[in-house]
């Protein structure tokens, strides 16, 4: 087992990037004018559709893996001459 004991600088850099990205996103969000209600509804609908389709594709991937559809083709037949 490989242990990485000096990962705290990497974690600190990632945490700092997360804080800066969050601060920038909130600053830009507060600067923009508010959207009409129909645009908010469209945005929420699009987010829900993306979440449902993503979850559906992941579920299909797990289903396919469990049923063995990703395995190579094998045949017990002897080849014809």
PDB file of N, CA and C in Angstrom:
ATOM      1  N   UNK A   1       0.845  -1.179   0.000  1.00  0.00           N
ATOM      2  CA  UNK A   1       0.000   0.000   0.000  1.00  0.00           C
ATOM      3  C   UNK A   1       0.891   1.243   0.000  1.00  0.00           C
ATOM      4  N   UNK A   2       0.589   2.177  -0.872  1.00  0.00           N
ATOM      5  CA  UNK A   2       1.366   3.406  -0.976  1.00  0.00           C
ATOM      6  C   UNK A   2       0.673   4.479  -0.142  1.00  0.00           C
ATOM      7  N   UNK A   3       1.449   5.100   0.725  1.00  0.00           N
ATOM      8  CA  UNK A   3       0.883   6.175   1.552  1.00  0.00           C
ATOM      9  C   UNK A   3       1.466   7.507   1.099  1.00  0.00           C
ATOM     10  N   UNK A   4       0.578   8.464   0.961  1.00  0.00           N
ATOM     11  CA  UNK A   4       0.990   9.814   0.588  1.00  0.00           C
ATOM     12  C   UNK A   4       0.799  10.695   1.819  1.00  0.00           C
ATOM     13  N   UNK A   5       1.889  10.984   2.500  1.00  0.00           N
ATOM     14  CA  UNK A   5       1.777  11.748   3.743  1.00  0.00           C
ATOM     15  C   UNK A   5       1.834  13.246   3.518  1.00  0.00           C
ATOM     16  N   UNK A   6       2.365  13.696   2.412  1.00  0.00           N
ATOM     17  CA  UNK A   6       2.499  15.128   2.170  1.00  0.00           C
ATOM     18  C   UNK A   6       1.478  15.621   1.154  1.00  0.00           C
ATOM     19  N   UNK A   7       0.241  15.253   1.329  1.00  0.00           N
ATOM     20  CA  UNK A   7      -0.812  15.712   0.423  1.00  0.00           C
ATOM     21  C   UNK A   7      -1.507  16.978   0.928  1.00  0.00           C
ATOM     22  N   UNK A   8      -1.150  17.475   2.098  1.00  0.00           N
ATOM     23  CA  UNK A   8      -1.857  18.643   2.604  1.00  0.00           C
ATOM     24  C   UNK A   8      -1.622  19.890   1.753  1.00  0.00           C
ATOM     25  N   UNK A   9      -0.451  20.110   1.139  1.00  0.00           N
ATOM     26  CA  UNK A   9      -0.330  21.287   0.253  1.00  0.00           C
ATOM     27  C   UNK A   9      -1.261  21.189  -0.959  1.00  0.00           C
ATOM     28  N   UNK A  10      -1.387  19.996  -1.501  1.00  0.00           N
ATOM     29  CA  UNK A  10      -2.292  19.784  -2.629  1.00  0.00           C
ATOM     30  C   UNK A  10      -3.727  20.066  -2.212  1.00  0.00           C
ATOM     31  N   UNK A  11      -4.130  19.582  -1.051  1.00  0.00           N
ATOM     32  CA  UNK A  11      -5.473  19.834  -0.535  1.00  0.00           C
ATOM     33  C   UNK A  11      -5.702  21.311  -0.256  1.00  0.00           C
ATOM     34  N   UNK A  12      -4.680  21.981   0.245  1.00  0.00           N
ATOM     35  CA  UNK A  12      -4.802  23.413   0.526  1.00  0.00           C
ATOM     36  C   UNK A  12      -4.984  24.214  -0.761  1.00  0.00           C
ATOM     37  N   UNK A  13      -4.234  23.838  -1.807  1.00  0.00           N
ATOM     38  CA  UNK A  13      -4.377  24.524  -3.099  1.00  0.00           C
ATOM     39  C   UNK A  13      -5.774  24.288  -3.677  1.00  0.00           C
ATOM     40  N   UNK A  14      -6.257  23.048  -3.594  1.00  0.00           N
ATOM     41  CA  UNK A  14      -7.605  22.754  -4.093  1.00  0.00           C
ATOM     42  C   UNK A  14      -8.673  23.504  -3.310  1.00  0.00           C
ATOM     43  N   UNK A  15      -8.514  23.584  -1.990  1.00  0.00           N
ATOM     44  CA  UNK A  15      -9.474  24.331  -1.169  1.00  0.00           C
ATOM     45  C   UNK A  15      -9.450  25.814  -1.523  1.00  0.00           C
ATOM     46  N   UNK A  16      -8.249  26.362  -1.743  1.00  0.00           N
ATOM     47  CA  UNK A  16      -8.145  27.775  -2.128  1.00  0.00           C
ATOM     48  C   UNK A  16      -8.804  28.022  -3.482  1.00  0.00           C
ATOM     49  N   UNK A  17      -8.597  27.118  -4.429  1.00  0.00           N
ATOM     50  CA  UNK A  17      -9.248  27.263  -5.729  1.00  0.00           C
ATOM     51  C   UNK A  17     -10.769  27.189  -5.610  1.00  0.00           C
ATOM     52  N   UNK A  18     -11.254  26.307  -4.752  1.00  0.00           N
ATOM     53  CA  UNK A  18     -12.700  26.212  -4.533  1.00  0.00           C
ATOM     54  C   UNK A  18     -13.249  27.500  -3.939  1.00  0.00           C
ATOM     55  N   UNK A  19     -12.545  28.072  -2.988  1.00  0.00           N
ATOM     56  CA  UNK A  19     -12.998  29.331  -2.364  1.00  0.00           C
ATOM     57  C   UNK A  19     -12.999  30.467  -3.381  1.00  0.00           C
ATOM     58  N   UNK A  20     -11.943  30.567  -4.191  1.00  0.00           N
ATOM     59  CA  UNK A  20     -11.863  31.631  -5.209  1.00  0.00           C
ATOM     60  C   UNK A  20     -12.958  31.455  -6.259  1.00  0.00           C
ATOM     61  N   UNK A  21     -13.188  30.231  -6.705  1.00  0.00           N
ATOM     62  CA  UNK A  21     -14.226  29.985  -7.711  1.00  0.00           C
ATOM     63  C   UNK A  21     -15.606  30.307  -7.149  1.00  0.00           C
ATOM     64  N   UNK A  22     -15.855  29.950  -5.903  1.00  0.00           N
ATOM     65  CA  UNK A  22     -17.142  30.264  -5.276  1.00  0.00           C
ATOM     66  C   UNK A  22     -17.326  31.768  -5.141  1.00  0.00           C
ATOM     67  N   UNK A  23     -16.283  32.456  -4.682  1.00  0.00           N
ATOM     68  CA  UNK A  23     -16.357  33.914  -4.540  1.00  0.00           C
ATOM     69  C   UNK A  23     -16.629  34.579  -5.892  1.00  0.00           C
ATOM     70  N   UNK A  24     -15.932  34.152  -6.936  1.00  0.00           N
ATOM     71  CA  UNK A  24     -16.122  34.734  -8.259  1.00  0.00           C
ATOM     72  C   UNK A  24     -17.537  34.464  -8.783  1.00  0.00           C
ATOM     73  N   UNK A  25     -18.026  33.255  -8.592  1.00  0.00           N
ATOM     74  CA  UNK A  25     -19.373  32.915  -9.066  1.00  0.00           C
ATOM     75  C   UNK A  25     -20.438  33.752  -8.375  1.00  0.00           C
ATOM     76  N   UNK A  26     -20.317  33.917  -7.061  1.00  0.00           N
ATOM     77  CA  UNK A  26     -21.287  34.725  -6.323  1.00  0.00           C
ATOM     78  C   UNK A  26     -21.196  36.187  -6.749  1.00  0.00           C
ATOM     79  N   UNK A  27     -19.984  36.693  -6.974  1.00  0.00           N
ATOM     80  CA  UNK A  27     -19.817  38.086  -7.401  1.00  0.00           C
ATOM     81  C   UNK A  27     -20.458  38.327  -8.763  1.00  0.00           C
ATOM     82  N   UNK A  28     -20.252  37.416  -9.702  1.00  0.00           N
ATOM     83  CA  UNK A  28     -20.850  37.567 -11.035  1.00  0.00           C
ATOM     84  C   UNK A  28     -22.358  37.420 -10.959  1.00  0.00           C
ATOM     85  N   UNK A  29     -22.828  36.497 -10.137  1.00  0.00           N
ATOM     86  CA  UNK A  29     -24.261  36.265  -9.993  1.00  0.00           C
ATOM     87  C   UNK A  29     -24.960  37.500  -9.444  1.00  0.00           C
ATOM     88  N   UNK A  30     -24.339  38.198  -8.488  1.00  0.00           N
ATOM     89  CA  UNK A  30     -24.952  39.382  -7.904  1.00  0.00           C
ATOM     90  C   UNK A  30     -24.904  40.575  -8.847  1.00  0.00           C
ATOM     91  N   UNK A  31     -23.968  40.592  -9.791  1.00  0.00           N
ATOM     92  CA  UNK A  31     -23.855  41.700 -10.740  1.00  0.00           C
ATOM     93  C   UNK A  31     -24.889  41.634 -11.862  1.00  0.00           C
ATOM     94  N   UNK A  32     -25.334  40.446 -12.202  1.00  0.00           N
ATOM     95  CA  UNK A  32     -26.247  40.294 -13.332  1.00  0.00           C
ATOM     96  C   UNK A  32     -27.674  40.635 -12.920  1.00  0.00           C
ATOM     97  N   UNK A  33     -28.465  41.169 -13.858  1.00  0.00           N
ATOM     98  CA  UNK A  33     -29.862  41.453 -13.539  1.00  0.00           C
ATOM     99  C   UNK A  33     -30.662  40.162 -13.389  1.00  0.00           C
ATOM    100  N   UNK A  34     -31.763  40.242 -12.665  1.00  0.00           N
ATOM    101  CA  UNK A  34     -32.576  39.046 -12.445  1.00  0.00           C
ATOM    102  C   UNK A  34     -33.292  38.648 -13.733  1.00  0.00           C
ATOM    103  N   UNK A  35     -33.541  37.366 -13.887  1.00  0.00           N
ATOM    104  CA  UNK A  35     -34.194  36.848 -15.078  1.00  0.00           C
ATOM    105  C   UNK A  35     -35.701  36.812 -14.866  1.00  0.00           C
ATOM    106  N   UNK A  36     -36.464  36.881 -15.948  1.00  0.00           N
ATOM    107  CA  UNK A  36     -37.910  36.709 -15.820  1.00  0.00           C
ATOM    108  C   UNK A  36     -38.244  35.286 -15.348  1.00  0.00           C
ATOM    109  N   UNK A  37     -39.454  35.107 -14.865  1.00  0.00           N
ATOM    110  CA  UNK A  37     -39.861  33.829 -14.284  1.00  0.00           C
ATOM    111  C   UNK A  37     -39.801  32.695 -15.296  1.00  0.00           C
ATOM    112  N   UNK A  38     -40.204  32.942 -16.558  1.00  0.00           N
ATOM    113  CA  UNK A  38     -40.207  31.853 -17.534  1.00  0.00           C
ATOM    114  C   UNK A  38     -38.798  31.335 -17.811  1.00  0.00           C
ATOM    115  N   UNK A  39     -37.800  32.193 -17.729  1.00  0.00           N
ATOM    116  CA  UNK A  39     -36.423  31.735 -17.927  1.00  0.00           C
ATOM    117  C   UNK A  39     -35.956  30.890 -16.745  1.00  0.00           C
ATOM    118  N   UNK A  40     -36.385  31.246 -15.548  1.00  0.00           N
ATOM    119  CA  UNK A  40     -36.052  30.422 -14.385  1.00  0.00           C
ATOM    120  C   UNK A  40     -36.682  29.043 -14.506  1.00  0.00           C
ATOM    121  N   UNK A  41     -37.933  28.991 -14.984  1.00  0.00           N
ATOM    122  CA  UNK A  41     -38.622  27.716 -15.150  1.00  0.00           C
ATOM    123  C   UNK A  41     -37.906  26.862 -16.194  1.00  0.00           C
ATOM    124  N   UNK A  42     -37.498  27.476 -17.295  1.00  0.00           N
ATOM    125  CA  UNK A  42     -36.772  26.746 -18.338  1.00  0.00           C
ATOM    126  C   UNK A  42     -35.440  26.232 -17.801  1.00  0.00           C
ATOM    127  N   UNK A  43     -34.740  27.056 -17.039  1.00  0.00           N
ATOM    128  CA  UNK A  43     -33.457  26.657 -16.471  1.00  0.00           C
ATOM    129  C   UNK A  43     -33.619  25.480 -15.504  1.00  0.00           C
ATOM    130  N   UNK A  44     -34.619  25.530 -14.652  1.00  0.00           N
ATOM    131  CA  UNK A  44     -34.869  24.437 -13.713  1.00  0.00           C
ATOM    132  C   UNK A  44     -35.270  23.171 -14.473  1.00  0.00           C
ATOM    133  N   UNK A  45     -36.115  23.311 -15.498  1.00  0.00           N
ATOM    134  CA  UNK A  45     -36.517  22.154 -16.298  1.00  0.00           C
ATOM    135  C   UNK A  45     -35.333  21.511 -16.997  1.00  0.00           C
ATOM    136  N   UNK A  46     -34.452  22.331 -17.541  1.00  0.00           N
ATOM    137  CA  UNK A  46     -33.263  21.799 -18.213  1.00  0.00           C
ATOM    138  C   UNK A  46     -32.352  21.082 -17.225  1.00  0.00           C
ATOM    139  N   UNK A  47     -32.202  21.643 -16.032  1.00  0.00           N
ATOM    140  CA  UNK A  47     -31.360  20.997 -15.020  1.00  0.00           C
ATOM    141  C   UNK A  47     -31.947  19.649 -14.609  1.00  0.00           C
ATOM    142  N   UNK A  48     -33.256  19.581 -14.454  1.00  0.00           N
ATOM    143  CA  UNK A  48     -33.906  18.318 -14.076  1.00  0.00           C
ATOM    144  C   UNK A  48     -33.760  17.297 -15.189  1.00  0.00           C
ATOM    145  N   UNK A  49     -33.964  17.713 -16.449  1.00  0.00           N
ATOM    146  CA  UNK A  49     -33.806  16.784 -17.565  1.00  0.00           C
ATOM    147  C   UNK A  49     -32.373  16.260 -17.675  1.00  0.00           C
ATOM    148  N   UNK A  50     -31.391  17.122 -17.454  1.00  0.00           N
ATOM    149  CA  UNK A  50     -30.004  16.675 -17.495  1.00  0.00           C
ATOM    150  C   UNK A  50     -29.720  15.683 -16.376  1.00  0.00           C
ATOM    151  N   UNK A  51     -30.249  15.936 -15.194  1.00  0.00           N
ATOM    152  CA  UNK A  51     -30.037  15.026 -14.074  1.00  0.00           C
ATOM    153  C   UNK A  51     -30.692  13.675 -14.329  1.00  0.00           C
ATOM    154  N   UNK A  52     -31.928  13.687 -14.841  1.00  0.00           N
ATOM    155  CA  UNK A  52     -32.639  12.436 -15.119  1.00  0.00           C
ATOM    156  C   UNK A  52     -31.947  11.649 -16.219  1.00  0.00           C
ATOM    157  N   UNK A  53     -31.540  12.332 -17.287  1.00  0.00           N
ATOM    158  CA  UNK A  53     -30.880  11.602 -18.380  1.00  0.00           C
ATOM    159  C   UNK A  53     -29.519  11.071 -17.944  1.00  0.00           C
ATOM    160  N   UNK A  54     -28.778  11.821 -17.156  1.00  0.00           N
ATOM    161  CA  UNK A  54     -27.495  11.340 -16.662  1.00  0.00           C
ATOM    162  C   UNK A  54     -27.658  10.129 -15.756  1.00  0.00           C
ATOM    163  N   UNK A  55     -28.622  10.195 -14.837  1.00  0.00           N
ATOM    164  CA  UNK A  55     -28.878   9.056 -13.947  1.00  0.00           C
ATOM    165  C   UNK A  55     -29.362   7.854 -14.751  1.00  0.00           C
ATOM    166  N   UNK A  56     -30.179   8.080 -15.767  1.00  0.00           N
ATOM    167  CA  UNK A  56     -30.663   6.985 -16.605  1.00  0.00           C
ATOM    168  C   UNK A  56     -29.537   6.314 -17.368  1.00  0.00           C
ATOM    169  N   UNK A  57     -28.616   7.108 -17.894  1.00  0.00           N
ATOM    170  CA  UNK A  57     -27.489   6.522 -18.622  1.00  0.00           C
ATOM    171  C   UNK A  57     -26.567   5.733 -17.698  1.00  0.00           C
ATOM    172  N   UNK A  58     -26.345   6.240 -16.505  1.00  0.00           N
ATOM    173  CA  UNK A  58     -25.526   5.502 -15.542  1.00  0.00           C
ATOM    174  C   UNK A  58     -26.222   4.207 -15.150  1.00  0.00           C
ATOM    175  N   UNK A  59     -27.555   4.257 -14.945  1.00  0.00           N
ATOM    176  CA  UNK A  59     -28.301   3.045 -14.602  1.00  0.00           C
ATOM    177  C   UNK A  59     -28.230   2.026 -15.738  1.00  0.00           C
ATOM    178  N   UNK A  60     -28.335   2.478 -16.992  1.00  0.00           N
ATOM    179  CA  UNK A  60     -28.203   1.567 -18.122  1.00  0.00           C
ATOM    180  C   UNK A  60     -26.813   0.954 -18.194  1.00  0.00           C
ATOM    181  N   UNK A  61     -25.804   1.726 -17.849  1.00  0.00           N
ATOM    182  CA  UNK A  61     -24.447   1.206 -17.854  1.00  0.00           C
ATOM    183  C   UNK A  61     -24.298   0.089 -16.818  1.00  0.00           C
ATOM    184  N   UNK A  62     -24.811   0.299 -15.612  1.00  0.00           N
ATOM    185  CA  UNK A  62     -24.731  -0.731 -14.581  1.00  0.00           C
ATOM    186  C   UNK A  62     -25.570  -1.951 -14.953  1.00  0.00           C
ATOM    187  N   UNK A  63     -26.746  -1.729 -15.525  1.00  0.00           N
ATOM    188  CA  UNK A  63     -27.605  -2.837 -15.947  1.00  0.00           C
ATOM    189  C   UNK A  63     -26.905  -3.667 -17.018  1.00  0.00           C
ATOM    190  N   UNK A  64     -26.317  -2.992 -17.995  1.00  0.00           N
ATOM    191  CA  UNK A  64     -25.624  -3.685 -19.076  1.00  0.00           C
ATOM    192  C   UNK A  64     -24.448  -4.486 -18.547  1.00  0.00           C
ATOM    193  N   UNK A  65     -23.727  -3.909 -17.611  1.00  0.00           N
ATOM    194  CA  UNK A  65     -22.567  -4.606 -17.034  1.00  0.00           C
ATOM    195  C   UNK A  65     -23.016  -5.847 -16.265  1.00  0.00           C
ATOM    196  N   UNK A  66     -24.096  -5.722 -15.522  1.00  0.00           N
ATOM    197  CA  UNK A  66     -24.570  -6.851 -14.717  1.00  0.00           C
ATOM    198  C   UNK A  66     -25.101  -7.982 -15.599  1.00  0.00           C
ATOM    199  N   UNK A  67     -25.743  -7.646 -16.708  1.00  0.00           N
ATOM    200  CA  UNK A  67     -26.286  -8.669 -17.609  1.00  0.00           C
ATOM    201  C   UNK A  67     -25.230  -9.265 -18.526  1.00  0.00           C
ATOM    202  N   UNK A  68     -24.035  -8.677 -18.564  1.00  0.00           N
ATOM    203  CA  UNK A  68     -22.956  -9.232 -19.366  1.00  0.00           C
ATOM    204  C   UNK A  68     -22.960  -8.787 -20.812  1.00  0.00           C
ATOM    205  N   UNK A  69     -23.654  -7.690 -21.124  1.00  0.00           N
ATOM    206  CA  UNK A  69     -23.694  -7.226 -22.510  1.00  0.00           C
ATOM    207  C   UNK A  69     -22.365  -6.640 -22.965  1.00  0.00           C
ATOM    208  N   UNK A  70     -21.477  -6.317 -22.060  1.00  0.00           N
ATOM    209  CA  UNK A  70     -20.191  -5.754 -22.428  1.00  0.00           C
ATOM    210  C   UNK A  70     -19.111  -6.794 -22.639  1.00  0.00           C
ATOM    211  N   UNK A  71     -19.450  -8.059 -22.453  1.00  0.00           N
ATOM    212  CA  UNK A  71     -18.460  -9.128 -22.603  1.00  0.00           C
ATOM    213  C   UNK A  71     -18.206  -9.409 -24.075  1.00  0.00           C
ATOM    214  N   UNK A  72     -17.021  -9.926 -24.406  1.00  0.00           N
ATOM    215  CA  UNK A  72     -16.745 -10.281 -25.802  1.00  0.00           C
ATOM    216  C   UNK A  72     -17.634 -11.441 -26.250  1.00  0.00           C
ATOM    217  N   UNK A  73     -17.868 -11.499 -27.537  1.00  0.00           N
ATOM    218  CA  UNK A  73     -18.736 -12.535 -28.098  1.00  0.00           C
ATOM    219  C   UNK A  73     -18.007 -13.862 -28.068  1.00  0.00           C
ATOM    220  N   UNK A  74     -18.698 -14.903 -27.587  1.00  0.00           N
ATOM    221  CA  UNK A  74     -18.150 -16.260 -27.563  1.00  0.00           C
ATOM    222  C   UNK A  74     -19.175 -17.199 -28.161  1.00  0.00           C
ATOM    223  N   UNK A  75     -18.699 -18.211 -28.811  1.00  0.00           N
ATOM    224  CA  UNK A  75     -19.600 -19.189 -29.429  1.00  0.00           C
ATOM    225  C   UNK A  75     -19.099 -20.593 -29.134  1.00  0.00           C
ATOM    226  N   UNK A  76     -20.042 -21.494 -28.878  1.00  0.00           N
ATOM    227  CA  UNK A  76     -19.701 -22.895 -28.632  1.00  0.00           C
ATOM    228  C   UNK A  76     -19.781 -23.718 -29.912  1.00  0.00           C
ATOM    229  N   UNK A  77     -20.223 -23.112 -30.994  1.00  0.00           N
ATOM    230  CA  UNK A  77     -20.354 -23.839 -32.266  1.00  0.00           C
ATOM    231  C   UNK A  77     -19.003 -24.076 -32.902  1.00  0.00           C
ATOM    232  N   UNK A  78     -18.911 -25.168 -33.621  1.00  0.00           N
ATOM    233  CA  UNK A  78     -17.705 -25.427 -34.395  1.00  0.00           C
ATOM    234  C   UNK A  78     -17.795 -24.694 -35.721  1.00  0.00           C
ATOM    235  N   UNK A  79     -16.684 -24.198 -36.231  1.00  0.00           N
ATOM    236  CA  UNK A  79     -16.739 -23.455 -37.497  1.00  0.00           C
ATOM    237  C   UNK A  79     -17.100 -24.375 -38.654  1.00  0.00           C
ATOM    238  N   UNK A  80     -17.849 -23.832 -39.611  1.00  0.00           N
ATOM    239  CA  UNK A  80     -18.242 -24.599 -40.815  1.00  0.00           C
ATOM    240  C   UNK A  80     -17.100 -24.611 -41.805  1.00  0.00           C
ATOM    241  N   UNK A  81     -17.003 -25.702 -42.525  1.00  0.00           N
ATOM    242  CA  UNK A  81     -15.957 -25.801 -43.568  1.00  0.00           C
ATOM    243  C   UNK A  81     -16.456 -25.346 -44.898  1.00  0.00           C
TER     244      UNK A  81
END
